[in-house]
């Protein structure tokens, strides 16, 4: 079970790094957009571009990375809980027989 926990931890770290990378790309694209459009001419925040646009692709990549990160976190927590349950000593019951 330790190997499963280590695997889940590696997956969690990897998905977190991928999320950070996607978030960084999205933040850079937003800052570029803010420099490109003057304050009064900026599209509203919900306008992330047409399907297939770079902004929409970055946004969706970030959203998928976030979903994967949350799934990896839940799987890691489940593996950790299972390991703790297996390592918990089983209670011993003694029966006294009197004649």
C-alpha atoms as a PDB file:
ATOM      1  CA  UNK A   1       0.000   0.000   0.000  1.00  0.00           C
ATOM      2  CA  UNK A   2       2.937   2.334   0.567  1.00  0.00           C
ATOM      3  CA  UNK A   3       3.771   2.170  -3.146  1.00  0.00           C
ATOM      4  CA  UNK A   4       0.201   3.181  -4.021  1.00  0.00           C
ATOM      5  CA  UNK A   5       0.452   6.150  -1.680  1.00  0.00           C
ATOM      6  CA  UNK A   6       3.777   7.171  -3.195  1.00  0.00           C
ATOM      7  CA  UNK A   7       2.290   6.861  -6.686  1.00  0.00           C
ATOM      8  CA  UNK A   8      -0.710   8.989  -5.707  1.00  0.00           C
ATOM      9  CA  UNK A   9       1.628  11.585  -4.195  1.00  0.00           C
ATOM     10  CA  UNK A  10       3.676  11.739  -7.421  1.00  0.00           C
ATOM     11  CA  UNK A  11       0.511  12.092  -9.496  1.00  0.00           C
ATOM     12  CA  UNK A  12      -0.730  14.835  -7.178  1.00  0.00           C
ATOM     13  CA  UNK A  13       2.554  16.729  -7.498  1.00  0.00           C
ATOM     14  CA  UNK A  14       2.576  16.316 -11.284  1.00  0.00           C
ATOM     15  CA  UNK A  15      -1.016  17.500 -11.683  1.00  0.00           C
ATOM     16  CA  UNK A  16      -0.279  20.468  -9.404  1.00  0.00           C
ATOM     17  CA  UNK A  17       2.730  21.434 -11.534  1.00  0.00           C
ATOM     18  CA  UNK A  18       0.624  21.149 -14.684  1.00  0.00           C
ATOM     19  CA  UNK A  19      -2.092  23.295 -13.124  1.00  0.00           C
ATOM     20  CA  UNK A  20       0.471  25.943 -12.152  1.00  0.00           C
ATOM     21  CA  UNK A  21       1.819  25.938 -15.693  1.00  0.00           C
ATOM     22  CA  UNK A  22      -1.674  26.304 -17.190  1.00  0.00           C
ATOM     23  CA  UNK A  23      -2.593  29.009 -14.674  1.00  0.00           C
ATOM     24  CA  UNK A  24       0.602  30.918 -15.434  1.00  0.00           C
ATOM     25  CA  UNK A  25      -0.108  30.768 -19.185  1.00  0.00           C
ATOM     26  CA  UNK A  26      -3.677  31.978 -18.596  1.00  0.00           C
ATOM     27  CA  UNK A  27      -2.511  34.838 -16.354  1.00  0.00           C
ATOM     28  CA  UNK A  28       0.085  35.930 -18.920  1.00  0.00           C
ATOM     29  CA  UNK A  29      -2.518  35.869 -21.687  1.00  0.00           C
ATOM     30  CA  UNK A  30      -4.865  37.988 -19.556  1.00  0.00           C
ATOM     31  CA  UNK A  31      -2.153  40.529 -18.841  1.00  0.00           C
ATOM     32  CA  UNK A  32      -1.292  40.658 -22.561  1.00  0.00           C
ATOM     33  CA  UNK A  33      -4.969  41.211 -23.358  1.00  0.00           C
ATOM     34  CA  UNK A  34      -5.151  44.039 -20.817  1.00  0.00           C
ATOM     35  CA  UNK A  35      -2.175  45.731 -22.443  1.00  0.00           C
ATOM     36  CA  UNK A  36      -3.595  45.226 -25.920  1.00  0.00           C
ATOM     37  CA  UNK A  37      -7.029  46.718 -25.201  1.00  0.00           C
ATOM     38  CA  UNK A  38      -7.418  50.163 -23.630  1.00  0.00           C
ATOM     39  CA  UNK A  39      -9.333  50.264 -20.348  1.00  0.00           C
ATOM     40  CA  UNK A  40     -12.577  51.525 -21.915  1.00  0.00           C
ATOM     41  CA  UNK A  41     -12.477  49.129 -24.865  1.00  0.00           C
ATOM     42  CA  UNK A  42     -11.821  45.897 -22.947  1.00  0.00           C
ATOM     43  CA  UNK A  43     -14.183  43.050 -23.600  1.00  0.00           C
ATOM     44  CA  UNK A  44     -16.168  41.974 -20.587  1.00  0.00           C
ATOM     45  CA  UNK A  45     -14.555  39.285 -18.474  1.00  0.00           C
ATOM     46  CA  UNK A  46     -16.784  36.468 -19.717  1.00  0.00           C
ATOM     47  CA  UNK A  47     -15.606  37.068 -23.289  1.00  0.00           C
ATOM     48  CA  UNK A  48     -12.780  34.596 -23.574  1.00  0.00           C
ATOM     49  CA  UNK A  49     -12.849  34.323 -27.329  1.00  0.00           C
ATOM     50  CA  UNK A  50     -14.471  32.302 -30.023  1.00  0.00           C
ATOM     51  CA  UNK A  51     -14.238  28.525 -30.008  1.00  0.00           C
ATOM     52  CA  UNK A  52     -10.746  27.671 -31.185  1.00  0.00           C
ATOM     53  CA  UNK A  53      -9.217  30.971 -30.068  1.00  0.00           C
ATOM     54  CA  UNK A  54      -6.006  31.025 -28.053  1.00  0.00           C
ATOM     55  CA  UNK A  55      -7.697  32.623 -25.027  1.00  0.00           C
ATOM     56  CA  UNK A  56     -10.447  30.003 -24.933  1.00  0.00           C
ATOM     57  CA  UNK A  57      -7.892  27.207 -25.363  1.00  0.00           C
ATOM     58  CA  UNK A  58      -5.800  28.526 -22.461  1.00  0.00           C
ATOM     59  CA  UNK A  59      -8.887  28.936 -20.284  1.00  0.00           C
ATOM     60  CA  UNK A  60     -10.128  25.410 -21.020  1.00  0.00           C
ATOM     61  CA  UNK A  61      -6.662  23.924 -20.489  1.00  0.00           C
ATOM     62  CA  UNK A  62      -6.521  25.616 -17.083  1.00  0.00           C
ATOM     63  CA  UNK A  63     -10.022  24.400 -16.198  1.00  0.00           C
ATOM     64  CA  UNK A  64      -9.171  20.795 -17.150  1.00  0.00           C
ATOM     65  CA  UNK A  65      -5.937  20.985 -15.163  1.00  0.00           C
ATOM     66  CA  UNK A  66      -7.890  22.198 -12.134  1.00  0.00           C
ATOM     67  CA  UNK A  67     -10.369  19.310 -12.418  1.00  0.00           C
ATOM     68  CA  UNK A  68      -7.501  16.815 -12.710  1.00  0.00           C
ATOM     69  CA  UNK A  69      -5.792  18.374  -9.695  1.00  0.00           C
ATOM     70  CA  UNK A  70      -8.924  18.022  -7.583  1.00  0.00           C
ATOM     71  CA  UNK A  71      -9.386  14.405  -8.683  1.00  0.00           C
ATOM     72  CA  UNK A  72      -5.755  13.623  -7.824  1.00  0.00           C
ATOM     73  CA  UNK A  73      -6.177  15.276  -4.422  1.00  0.00           C
ATOM     74  CA  UNK A  74      -9.256  13.180  -3.647  1.00  0.00           C
ATOM     75  CA  UNK A  75      -7.521   9.975  -4.784  1.00  0.00           C
ATOM     76  CA  UNK A  76      -4.474  10.793  -2.646  1.00  0.00           C
ATOM     77  CA  UNK A  77      -6.653  11.441   0.408  1.00  0.00           C
ATOM     78  CA  UNK A  78      -8.509   8.161  -0.181  1.00  0.00           C
ATOM     79  CA  UNK A  79      -5.261   6.199  -0.490  1.00  0.00           C
ATOM     80  CA  UNK A  80      -3.942   7.856   2.664  1.00  0.00           C
ATOM     81  CA  UNK A  81      -7.102   6.956   4.572  1.00  0.00           C
ATOM     82  CA  UNK A  82      -6.984   3.344   3.359  1.00  0.00           C
ATOM     83  CA  UNK A  83      -3.368   3.045   4.447  1.00  0.00           C
ATOM     84  CA  UNK A  84      -4.206   4.439   7.882  1.00  0.00           C
ATOM     85  CA  UNK A  85      -7.073   1.966   8.246  1.00  0.00           C
ATOM     86  CA  UNK A  86      -4.853  -0.966   7.319  1.00  0.00           C
ATOM     87  CA  UNK A  87      -2.136   0.089   9.709  1.00  0.00           C
ATOM     88  CA  UNK A  88      -4.569   0.457  12.590  1.00  0.00           C
ATOM     89  CA  UNK A  89      -4.101  -2.489  14.949  1.00  0.00           C
ATOM     90  CA  UNK A  90      -6.997  -4.864  15.094  1.00  0.00           C
ATOM     91  CA  UNK A  91      -8.618  -5.043  18.509  1.00  0.00           C
ATOM     92  CA  UNK A  92      -8.031  -8.257  20.388  1.00  0.00           C
ATOM     93  CA  UNK A  93     -10.888  -9.658  22.393  1.00  0.00           C
ATOM     94  CA  UNK A  94     -10.226 -12.095  25.205  1.00  0.00           C
ATOM     95  CA  UNK A  95     -12.903 -14.456  26.342  1.00  0.00           C
ATOM     96  CA  UNK A  96     -12.762 -15.878  29.834  1.00  0.00           C
ATOM     97  CA  UNK A  97     -14.250 -19.316  30.191  1.00  0.00           C
ATOM     98  CA  UNK A  98     -15.199 -20.290  33.694  1.00  0.00           C
ATOM     99  CA  UNK A  99     -16.253 -23.724  34.618  1.00  0.00           C
END
